[in-house]
Amino acid sequence: IKMAGVFMTSTSTVASYTGFAPRWLAFLGYVLSLIL
């Protein structure tokens, strides 16, 4: 579950930097990864 959280955090960061996904989806990833 911790690796899932790290995966979500790094994917959200890459999404924020590159814009391959909307910002709200990256933000959601950050929030949910903190829960994990």
Full PDB file with SEQRES, HELIX, SHEET, SSBOND, CRYST1, ORIGX, SCALE, CONECT and MASTER records, all heavy atoms in Angstrom:
SEQRES   1 A   36  ILE LYS MET ALA GLY VAL PHE MET THR SER THR SER THR          
SEQRES   2 A   36  VAL ALA SER TYR THR GLY PHE ALA PRO ARG TRP LEU ALA          
SEQRES   3 A   36  PHE LEU GLY TYR VAL LEU SER LEU ILE LEU                      
HELIX    1 AA1 LYS A    2  THR A   18  1                                  17    
HELIX    2 AA2 ARG A   23  ILE A   35  1                                  13    
CRYST1    1.000    1.000    1.000  90.00  90.00  90.00 P 1           1          
ORIGX1      1.000000  0.000000  0.000000        0.00000                         
ORIGX2      0.000000  1.000000  0.000000        0.00000                         
ORIGX3      0.000000  0.000000  1.000000        0.00000                         
SCALE1      1.000000  0.000000  0.000000        0.00000                         
SCALE2      0.000000  1.000000  0.000000        0.00000                         
SCALE3      0.000000  0.000000  1.000000        0.00000                         
ATOM      1  N   ILE A   1       0.834  -1.204   0.000  1.00  0.00           N  
ATOM      2  CA  ILE A   1       0.000   0.000   0.000  1.00  0.00           C  
ATOM      3  C   ILE A   1       0.872   1.259   0.000  1.00  0.00           C  
ATOM      4  O   ILE A   1       0.509   2.276  -0.603  1.00  0.00           O  
ATOM      5  CB  ILE A   1      -0.993  -0.022   1.185  1.00  0.00           C  
ATOM      6  CG1 ILE A   1      -2.212   0.838   0.882  1.00  0.00           C  
ATOM      7  CG2 ILE A   1      -0.372   0.409   2.466  1.00  0.00           C  
ATOM      8  CD1 ILE A   1      -3.251   0.149   0.093  1.00  0.00           C  
ATOM      9  N   LYS A   2       2.042   1.190   0.621  1.00  0.00           N  
ATOM     10  CA  LYS A   2       2.955   2.342   0.599  1.00  0.00           C  
ATOM     11  C   LYS A   2       3.536   2.536  -0.801  1.00  0.00           C  
ATOM     12  O   LYS A   2       3.702   3.666  -1.262  1.00  0.00           O  
ATOM     13  CB  LYS A   2       4.096   2.172   1.604  1.00  0.00           C  
ATOM     14  CG  LYS A   2       3.642   2.023   3.045  1.00  0.00           C  
ATOM     15  CD  LYS A   2       2.782   3.158   3.538  1.00  0.00           C  
ATOM     16  CE  LYS A   2       2.468   3.011   4.999  1.00  0.00           C  
ATOM     17  NZ  LYS A   2       1.064   2.923   5.308  1.00  0.00           N  
ATOM     18  N   MET A   3       3.864   1.463  -1.496  1.00  0.00           N  
ATOM     19  CA  MET A   3       4.363   1.580  -2.868  1.00  0.00           C  
ATOM     20  C   MET A   3       3.279   2.124  -3.784  1.00  0.00           C  
ATOM     21  O   MET A   3       3.562   2.886  -4.704  1.00  0.00           O  
ATOM     22  CB  MET A   3       4.861   0.237  -3.396  1.00  0.00           C  
ATOM     23  CG  MET A   3       6.233  -0.135  -2.926  1.00  0.00           C  
ATOM     24  SD  MET A   3       7.484   1.079  -3.401  1.00  0.00           S  
ATOM     25  CE  MET A   3       7.820   1.870  -1.858  1.00  0.00           C  
ATOM     26  N   ALA A   4       2.029   1.768  -3.525  1.00  0.00           N  
ATOM     27  CA  ALA A   4       0.930   2.337  -4.303  1.00  0.00           C  
ATOM     28  C   ALA A   4       0.873   3.847  -4.077  1.00  0.00           C  
ATOM     29  O   ALA A   4       0.669   4.621  -5.016  1.00  0.00           O  
ATOM     30  CB  ALA A   4      -0.398   1.684  -3.920  1.00  0.00           C  
ATOM     31  N   GLY A   5       1.078   4.284  -2.845  1.00  0.00           N  
ATOM     32  CA  GLY A   5       1.099   5.714  -2.541  1.00  0.00           C  
ATOM     33  C   GLY A   5       2.253   6.434  -3.218  1.00  0.00           C  
ATOM     34  O   GLY A   5       2.090   7.536  -3.748  1.00  0.00           O  
ATOM     35  N   VAL A   6       3.427   5.814  -3.230  1.00  0.00           N  
ATOM     36  CA  VAL A   6       4.579   6.405  -3.915  1.00  0.00           C  
ATOM     37  C   VAL A   6       4.315   6.473  -5.416  1.00  0.00           C  
ATOM     38  O   VAL A   6       4.630   7.478  -6.073  1.00  0.00           O  
ATOM     39  CB  VAL A   6       5.869   5.600  -3.613  1.00  0.00           C  
ATOM     40  CG1 VAL A   6       7.022   6.041  -4.500  1.00  0.00           C  
ATOM     41  CG2 VAL A   6       6.241   5.727  -2.143  1.00  0.00           C  
ATOM     42  N   PHE A   7       3.717   5.423  -5.963  1.00  0.00           N  
ATOM     43  CA  PHE A   7       3.372   5.416  -7.391  1.00  0.00           C  
ATOM     44  C   PHE A   7       2.406   6.561  -7.709  1.00  0.00           C  
ATOM     45  O   PHE A   7       2.584   7.270  -8.697  1.00  0.00           O  
ATOM     46  CB  PHE A   7       2.756   4.065  -7.766  1.00  0.00           C  
ATOM     47  CG  PHE A   7       2.390   3.954  -9.216  1.00  0.00           C  
ATOM     48  CD1 PHE A   7       3.335   3.598 -10.153  1.00  0.00           C  
ATOM     49  CD2 PHE A   7       1.091   4.203  -9.644  1.00  0.00           C  
ATOM     50  CE1 PHE A   7       3.001   3.495 -11.498  1.00  0.00           C  
ATOM     51  CE2 PHE A   7       0.749   4.113 -10.971  1.00  0.00           C  
ATOM     52  CZ  PHE A   7       1.718   3.749 -11.906  1.00  0.00           C  
ATOM     53  N   MET A   8       1.408   6.739  -6.869  1.00  0.00           N  
ATOM     54  CA  MET A   8       0.438   7.812  -7.088  1.00  0.00           C  
ATOM     55  C   MET A   8       1.102   9.184  -6.995  1.00  0.00           C  
ATOM     56  O   MET A   8       0.818  10.073  -7.804  1.00  0.00           O  
ATOM     57  CB  MET A   8      -0.700   7.712  -6.070  1.00  0.00           C  
ATOM     58  CG  MET A   8      -1.606   6.532  -6.292  1.00  0.00           C  
ATOM     59  SD  MET A   8      -2.782   6.294  -4.957  1.00  0.00           S  
ATOM     60  CE  MET A   8      -3.885   7.649  -5.259  1.00  0.00           C  
ATOM     61  N   THR A   9       1.981   9.367  -6.021  1.00  0.00           N  
ATOM     62  CA  THR A   9       2.659  10.647  -5.856  1.00  0.00           C  
ATOM     63  C   THR A   9       3.546  10.961  -7.058  1.00  0.00           C  
ATOM     64  O   THR A   9       3.497  12.073  -7.601  1.00  0.00           O  
ATOM     65  CB  THR A   9       3.512  10.651  -4.569  1.00  0.00           C  
ATOM     66  OG1 THR A   9       2.665  10.393  -3.448  1.00  0.00           O  
ATOM     67  CG2 THR A   9       4.238  11.966  -4.376  1.00  0.00           C  
ATOM     68  N   SER A  10       4.338   9.997  -7.481  1.00  0.00           N  
ATOM     69  CA  SER A  10       5.239  10.257  -8.608  1.00  0.00           C  
ATOM     70  C   SER A  10       4.460  10.440  -9.905  1.00  0.00           C  
ATOM     71  O   SER A  10       4.805  11.303 -10.724  1.00  0.00           O  
ATOM     72  CB  SER A  10       6.267   9.131  -8.749  1.00  0.00           C  
ATOM     73  OG  SER A  10       5.646   7.887  -8.957  1.00  0.00           O  
ATOM     74  N   THR A  11       3.395   9.688 -10.109  1.00  0.00           N  
ATOM     75  CA  THR A  11       2.576   9.853 -11.306  1.00  0.00           C  
ATOM     76  C   THR A  11       1.890  11.213 -11.295  1.00  0.00           C  
ATOM     77  O   THR A  11       1.826  11.888 -12.332  1.00  0.00           O  
ATOM     78  CB  THR A  11       1.530   8.730 -11.406  1.00  0.00           C  
ATOM     79  OG1 THR A  11       2.197   7.465 -11.369  1.00  0.00           O  
ATOM     80  CG2 THR A  11       0.730   8.828 -12.691  1.00  0.00           C  
ATOM     81  N   SER A  12       1.399  11.630 -10.153  1.00  0.00           N  
ATOM     82  CA  SER A  12       0.758  12.948 -10.041  1.00  0.00           C  
ATOM     83  C   SER A  12       1.761  14.065 -10.297  1.00  0.00           C  
ATOM     84  O   SER A  12       1.425  15.073 -10.928  1.00  0.00           O  
ATOM     85  CB  SER A  12       0.125  13.115  -8.666  1.00  0.00           C  
ATOM     86  OG  SER A  12      -0.926  12.199  -8.516  1.00  0.00           O  
ATOM     87  N   THR A  13       2.986  13.889  -9.833  1.00  0.00           N  
ATOM     88  CA  THR A  13       4.020  14.894 -10.068  1.00  0.00           C  
ATOM     89  C   THR A  13       4.344  14.992 -11.553  1.00  0.00           C  
ATOM     90  O   THR A  13       4.437  16.093 -12.112  1.00  0.00           O  
ATOM     91  CB  THR A  13       5.294  14.563  -9.259  1.00  0.00           C  
ATOM     92  OG1 THR A  13       4.941  14.510  -7.872  1.00  0.00           O  
ATOM     93  CG2 THR A  13       6.376  15.598  -9.480  1.00  0.00           C  
ATOM     94  N   VAL A  14       4.501  13.843 -12.195  1.00  0.00           N  
ATOM     95  CA  VAL A  14       4.771  13.837 -13.634  1.00  0.00           C  
ATOM     96  C   VAL A  14       3.584  14.438 -14.389  1.00  0.00           C  
ATOM     97  O   VAL A  14       3.767  15.202 -15.345  1.00  0.00           O  
ATOM     98  CB  VAL A  14       5.083  12.406 -14.118  1.00  0.00           C  
ATOM     99  CG1 VAL A  14       5.131  12.324 -15.626  1.00  0.00           C  
ATOM    100  CG2 VAL A  14       6.395  11.917 -13.528  1.00  0.00           C  
ATOM    101  N   ALA A  15       2.377  14.141 -13.953  1.00  0.00           N  
ATOM    102  CA  ALA A  15       1.183  14.710 -14.596  1.00  0.00           C  
ATOM    103  C   ALA A  15       1.153  16.230 -14.430  1.00  0.00           C  
ATOM    104  O   ALA A  15       0.784  16.951 -15.366  1.00  0.00           O  
ATOM    105  CB  ALA A  15      -0.081  14.085 -14.022  1.00  0.00           C  
ATOM    106  N   SER A  16       1.550  16.720 -13.275  1.00  0.00           N  
ATOM    107  CA  SER A  16       1.579  18.174 -13.049  1.00  0.00           C  
ATOM    108  C   SER A  16       2.604  18.858 -13.942  1.00  0.00           C  
ATOM    109  O   SER A  16       2.338  19.904 -14.515  1.00  0.00           O  
ATOM    110  CB  SER A  16       1.927  18.483 -11.598  1.00  0.00           C  
ATOM    111  OG  SER A  16       0.936  18.039 -10.738  1.00  0.00           O  
ATOM    112  N   TYR A  17       3.792  18.265 -14.040  1.00  0.00           N  
ATOM    113  CA  TYR A  17       4.874  18.873 -14.827  1.00  0.00           C  
ATOM    114  C   TYR A  17       4.615  18.822 -16.329  1.00  0.00           C  
ATOM    115  O   TYR A  17       4.948  19.757 -17.036  1.00  0.00           O  
ATOM    116  CB  TYR A  17       6.207  18.200 -14.528  1.00  0.00           C  
ATOM    117  CG  TYR A  17       6.785  18.545 -13.172  1.00  0.00           C  
ATOM    118  CD1 TYR A  17       7.774  17.767 -12.609  1.00  0.00           C  
ATOM    119  CD2 TYR A  17       6.351  19.648 -12.452  1.00  0.00           C  
ATOM    120  CE1 TYR A  17       8.318  18.066 -11.370  1.00  0.00           C  
ATOM    121  CE2 TYR A  17       6.882  19.952 -11.221  1.00  0.00           C  
ATOM    122  CZ  TYR A  17       7.867  19.161 -10.677  1.00  0.00           C  
ATOM    123  OH  TYR A  17       8.400  19.468  -9.452  1.00  0.00           O  
ATOM    124  N   THR A  18       4.075  17.707 -16.798  1.00  0.00           N  
ATOM    125  CA  THR A  18       3.951  17.512 -18.247  1.00  0.00           C  
ATOM    126  C   THR A  18       2.577  17.865 -18.787  1.00  0.00           C  
ATOM    127  O   THR A  18       2.436  18.110 -19.974  1.00  0.00           O  
ATOM    128  CB  THR A  18       4.250  16.055 -18.623  1.00  0.00           C  
ATOM    129  OG1 THR A  18       3.277  15.202 -18.012  1.00  0.00           O  
ATOM    130  CG2 THR A  18       5.655  15.661 -18.200  1.00  0.00           C  
ATOM    131  N   GLY A  19       1.562  17.840 -17.927  1.00  0.00           N  
ATOM    132  CA  GLY A  19       0.205  18.138 -18.373  1.00  0.00           C  
ATOM    133  C   GLY A  19      -0.457  16.997 -19.126  1.00  0.00           C  
ATOM    134  O   GLY A  19      -1.430  17.212 -19.840  1.00  0.00           O  
ATOM    135  N   PHE A  20       0.034  15.756 -18.971  1.00  0.00           N  
ATOM    136  CA  PHE A  20      -0.598  14.634 -19.665  1.00  0.00           C  
ATOM    137  C   PHE A  20      -1.951  14.273 -19.064  1.00  0.00           C  
ATOM    138  O   PHE A  20      -2.721  13.520 -19.648  1.00  0.00           O  
ATOM    139  CB  PHE A  20       0.333  13.414 -19.738  1.00  0.00           C  
ATOM    140  CG  PHE A  20       0.319  12.532 -18.525  1.00  0.00           C  
ATOM    141  CD1 PHE A  20      -0.631  11.536 -18.377  1.00  0.00           C  
ATOM    142  CD2 PHE A  20       1.269  12.681 -17.537  1.00  0.00           C  
ATOM    143  CE1 PHE A  20      -0.635  10.702 -17.259  1.00  0.00           C  
ATOM    144  CE2 PHE A  20       1.272  11.865 -16.426  1.00  0.00           C  
ATOM    145  CZ  PHE A  20       0.316  10.879 -16.288  1.00  0.00           C  
ATOM    146  N   ALA A  21      -2.232  14.825 -17.903  1.00  0.00           N  
ATOM    147  CA  ALA A  21      -3.536  14.656 -17.257  1.00  0.00           C  
ATOM    148  C   ALA A  21      -3.894  16.011 -16.636  1.00  0.00           C  
ATOM    149  O   ALA A  21      -3.012  16.821 -16.354  1.00  0.00           O  
ATOM    150  CB  ALA A  21      -3.471  13.570 -16.190  1.00  0.00           C  
ATOM    151  N   PRO A  22      -5.181  16.264 -16.411  1.00  0.00           N  
ATOM    152  CA  PRO A  22      -5.567  17.560 -15.836  1.00  0.00           C  
ATOM    153  C   PRO A  22      -5.051  17.729 -14.406  1.00  0.00           C  
ATOM    154  O   PRO A  22      -4.803  16.762 -13.700  1.00  0.00           O  
ATOM    155  CB  PRO A  22      -7.096  17.525 -15.878  1.00  0.00           C  
ATOM    156  CG  PRO A  22      -7.479  16.121 -16.086  1.00  0.00           C  
ATOM    157  CD  PRO A  22      -6.333  15.408 -16.697  1.00  0.00           C  
ATOM    158  N   ARG A  23      -4.901  18.977 -14.011  1.00  0.00           N  
ATOM    159  CA  ARG A  23      -4.381  19.289 -12.674  1.00  0.00           C  
ATOM    160  C   ARG A  23      -5.250  18.706 -11.561  1.00  0.00           C  
ATOM    161  O   ARG A  23      -4.732  18.301 -10.529  1.00  0.00           O  
ATOM    162  CB  ARG A  23      -4.256  20.798 -12.496  1.00  0.00           C  
ATOM    163  CG  ARG A  23      -3.144  21.395 -13.300  1.00  0.00           C  
ATOM    164  CD  ARG A  23      -2.377  22.401 -12.441  1.00  0.00           C  
ATOM    165  NE  ARG A  23      -1.367  23.089 -13.208  1.00  0.00           N  
ATOM    166  CZ  ARG A  23      -0.130  22.632 -13.332  1.00  0.00           C  
ATOM    167  NH1 ARG A  23       0.217  21.517 -12.793  1.00  0.00           N  
ATOM    168  NH2 ARG A  23       0.757  23.317 -14.025  1.00  0.00           N  
ATOM    169  N   TRP A  24      -6.578  18.694 -11.749  1.00  0.00           N  
ATOM    170  CA  TRP A  24      -7.453  18.166 -10.701  1.00  0.00           C  
ATOM    171  C   TRP A  24      -7.171  16.688 -10.468  1.00  0.00           C  
ATOM    172  O   TRP A  24      -7.261  16.212  -9.340  1.00  0.00           O  
ATOM    173  CB  TRP A  24      -8.929  18.406 -11.024  1.00  0.00           C  
ATOM    174  CG  TRP A  24      -9.454  17.624 -12.190  1.00  0.00           C  
ATOM    175  CD1 TRP A  24      -9.542  18.041 -13.492  1.00  0.00           C  
ATOM    176  CD2 TRP A  24      -9.978  16.293 -12.163  1.00  0.00           C  
ATOM    177  NE1 TRP A  24     -10.075  17.046 -14.273  1.00  0.00           N  
ATOM    178  CE2 TRP A  24     -10.359  15.960 -13.480  1.00  0.00           C  
ATOM    179  CE3 TRP A  24     -10.159  15.338 -11.156  1.00  0.00           C  
ATOM    180  CZ2 TRP A  24     -10.902  14.726 -13.826  1.00  0.00           C  
ATOM    181  CZ3 TRP A  24     -10.697  14.110 -11.500  1.00  0.00           C  
ATOM    182  CH2 TRP A  24     -11.064  13.807 -12.817  1.00  0.00           C  
ATOM    183  N   LEU A  25      -6.801  15.961 -11.510  1.00  0.00           N  
ATOM    184  CA  LEU A  25      -6.500  14.542 -11.369  1.00  0.00           C  
ATOM    185  C   LEU A  25      -5.168  14.339 -10.638  1.00  0.00           C  
ATOM    186  O   LEU A  25      -5.039  13.431  -9.813  1.00  0.00           O  
ATOM    187  CB  LEU A  25      -6.463  13.893 -12.751  1.00  0.00           C  
ATOM    188  CG  LEU A  25      -6.683  12.401 -12.841  1.00  0.00           C  
ATOM    189  CD1 LEU A  25      -7.906  11.944 -12.070  1.00  0.00           C  
ATOM    190  CD2 LEU A  25      -6.811  11.987 -14.297  1.00  0.00           C  
ATOM    191  N   ALA A  26      -4.205  15.214 -10.916  1.00  0.00           N  
ATOM    192  CA  ALA A  26      -2.932  15.165 -10.195  1.00  0.00           C  
ATOM    193  C   ALA A  26      -3.148  15.516  -8.717  1.00  0.00           C  
ATOM    194  O   ALA A  26      -2.617  14.839  -7.833  1.00  0.00           O  
ATOM    195  CB  ALA A  26      -1.929  16.112 -10.837  1.00  0.00           C  
ATOM    196  N   PHE A  27      -3.936  16.544  -8.461  1.00  0.00           N  
ATOM    197  CA  PHE A  27      -4.225  16.937  -7.079  1.00  0.00           C  
ATOM    198  C   PHE A  27      -4.937  15.808  -6.334  1.00  0.00           C  
ATOM    199  O   PHE A  27      -4.609  15.508  -5.185  1.00  0.00           O  
ATOM    200  CB  PHE A  27      -5.079  18.212  -7.055  1.00  0.00           C  
ATOM    201  CG  PHE A  27      -5.402  18.680  -5.671  1.00  0.00           C  
ATOM    202  CD1 PHE A  27      -4.428  19.277  -4.879  1.00  0.00           C  
ATOM    203  CD2 PHE A  27      -6.666  18.511  -5.144  1.00  0.00           C  
ATOM    204  CE1 PHE A  27      -4.717  19.691  -3.590  1.00  0.00           C  
ATOM    205  CE2 PHE A  27      -6.972  18.915  -3.853  1.00  0.00           C  
ATOM    206  CZ  PHE A  27      -5.992  19.514  -3.079  1.00  0.00           C  
ATOM    207  N   LEU A  28      -5.907  15.175  -7.004  1.00  0.00           N  
ATOM    208  CA  LEU A  28      -6.600  14.031  -6.402  1.00  0.00           C  
ATOM    209  C   LEU A  28      -5.604  12.924  -6.071  1.00  0.00           C  
ATOM    210  O   LEU A  28      -5.692  12.295  -5.006  1.00  0.00           O  
ATOM    211  CB  LEU A  28      -7.683  13.518  -7.354  1.00  0.00           C  
ATOM    212  CG  LEU A  28      -8.483  12.307  -6.882  1.00  0.00           C  
ATOM    213  CD1 LEU A  28      -9.320  12.668  -5.664  1.00  0.00           C  
ATOM    214  CD2 LEU A  28      -9.361  11.790  -8.007  1.00  0.00           C  
ATOM    215  N   GLY A  29      -4.659  12.693  -6.966  1.00  0.00           N  
ATOM    216  CA  GLY A  29      -3.627  11.684  -6.711  1.00  0.00           C  
ATOM    217  C   GLY A  29      -2.799  12.000  -5.485  1.00  0.00           C  
ATOM    218  O   GLY A  29      -2.486  11.115  -4.678  1.00  0.00           O  
ATOM    219  N   TYR A  30      -2.442  13.275  -5.307  1.00  0.00           N  
ATOM    220  CA  TYR A  30      -1.685  13.674  -4.111  1.00  0.00           C  
ATOM    221  C   TYR A  30      -2.479  13.431  -2.835  1.00  0.00           C  
ATOM    222  O   TYR A  30      -1.972  12.879  -1.857  1.00  0.00           O  
ATOM    223  CB  TYR A  30      -1.296  15.156  -4.169  1.00  0.00           C  
ATOM    224  CG  TYR A  30      -0.189  15.490  -5.136  1.00  0.00           C  
ATOM    225  CD1 TYR A  30      -0.337  16.531  -6.032  1.00  0.00           C  
ATOM    226  CD2 TYR A  30       1.009  14.792  -5.136  1.00  0.00           C  
ATOM    227  CE1 TYR A  30       0.683  16.875  -6.911  1.00  0.00           C  
ATOM    228  CE2 TYR A  30       2.027  15.114  -6.009  1.00  0.00           C  
ATOM    229  CZ  TYR A  30       1.859  16.152  -6.895  1.00  0.00           C  
ATOM    230  OH  TYR A  30       2.865  16.476  -7.752  1.00  0.00           O  
ATOM    231  N   VAL A  31      -3.737  13.830  -2.840  1.00  0.00           N  
ATOM    232  CA  VAL A  31      -4.581  13.674  -1.646  1.00  0.00           C  
ATOM    233  C   VAL A  31      -4.764  12.187  -1.305  1.00  0.00           C  
ATOM    234  O   VAL A  31      -4.601  11.778  -0.155  1.00  0.00           O  
ATOM    235  CB  VAL A  31      -5.947  14.370  -1.844  1.00  0.00           C  
ATOM    236  CG1 VAL A  31      -6.909  14.023  -0.725  1.00  0.00           C  
ATOM    237  CG2 VAL A  31      -5.766  15.878  -1.952  1.00  0.00           C  
ATOM    238  N   LEU A  32      -5.079  11.398  -2.323  1.00  0.00           N  
ATOM    239  CA  LEU A  32      -5.309   9.970  -2.076  1.00  0.00           C  
ATOM    240  C   LEU A  32      -4.022   9.249  -1.685  1.00  0.00           C  
ATOM    241  O   LEU A  32      -4.052   8.321  -0.877  1.00  0.00           O  
ATOM    242  CB  LEU A  32      -5.942   9.323  -3.309  1.00  0.00           C  
ATOM    243  CG  LEU A  32      -7.342   9.826  -3.663  1.00  0.00           C  
ATOM    244  CD1 LEU A  32      -7.849   9.157  -4.928  1.00  0.00           C  
ATOM    245  CD2 LEU A  32      -8.313   9.617  -2.507  1.00  0.00           C  
ATOM    246  N   SER A  33      -2.888   9.700  -2.239  1.00  0.00           N  
ATOM    247  CA  SER A  33      -1.625   9.056  -1.848  1.00  0.00           C  
ATOM    248  C   SER A  33      -1.292   9.348  -0.385  1.00  0.00           C  
ATOM    249  O   SER A  33      -0.718   8.492   0.296  1.00  0.00           O  
ATOM    250  CB  SER A  33      -0.481   9.494  -2.763  1.00  0.00           C  
ATOM    251  OG  SER A  33      -0.148  10.841  -2.556  1.00  0.00           O  
ATOM    252  N   LEU A  34      -1.660  10.521   0.104  1.00  0.00           N  
ATOM    253  CA  LEU A  34      -1.451  10.810   1.529  1.00  0.00           C  
ATOM    254  C   LEU A  34      -2.293   9.886   2.404  1.00  0.00           C  
ATOM    255  O   LEU A  34      -1.847   9.450   3.471  1.00  0.00           O  
ATOM    256  CB  LEU A  34      -1.782  12.272   1.828  1.00  0.00           C  
ATOM    257  CG  LEU A  34      -0.789  13.293   1.294  1.00  0.00           C  
ATOM    258  CD1 LEU A  34      -1.308  14.713   1.529  1.00  0.00           C  
ATOM    259  CD2 LEU A  34       0.576  13.104   1.928  1.00  0.00           C  
ATOM    260  N   ILE A  35      -3.500   9.586   1.931  1.00  0.00           N  
ATOM    261  CA  ILE A  35      -4.340   8.632   2.668  1.00  0.00           C  
ATOM    262  C   ILE A  35      -3.655   7.276   2.723  1.00  0.00           C  
ATOM    263  O   ILE A  35      -3.615   6.624   3.765  1.00  0.00           O  
ATOM    264  CB  ILE A  35      -5.741   8.524   2.024  1.00  0.00           C  
ATOM    265  CG1 ILE A  35      -6.514   9.815   2.245  1.00  0.00           C  
ATOM    266  CG2 ILE A  35      -6.506   7.325   2.564  1.00  0.00           C  
ATOM    267  CD1 ILE A  35      -7.828   9.894   1.490  1.00  0.00           C  
ATOM    268  N   LEU A  36      -3.072   6.847   1.594  1.00  0.00           N  
ATOM    269  CA  LEU A  36      -2.398   5.547   1.572  1.00  0.00           C  
ATOM    270  C   LEU A  36      -1.121   5.551   2.407  1.00  0.00           C  
ATOM    271  O   LEU A  36      -0.839   4.592   3.118  1.00  0.00           O  
ATOM    272  CB  LEU A  36      -2.066   5.143   0.136  1.00  0.00           C  
ATOM    273  CG  LEU A  36      -3.235   4.809  -0.766  1.00  0.00           C  
ATOM    274  CD1 LEU A  36      -2.739   4.369  -2.133  1.00  0.00           C  
ATOM    275  CD2 LEU A  36      -4.109   3.737  -0.159  1.00  0.00           C  
TER     276      LEU A  36                                                      
MASTER        0    0    0    2    0    0    0    6  275    1    0    3          
END                                                                             
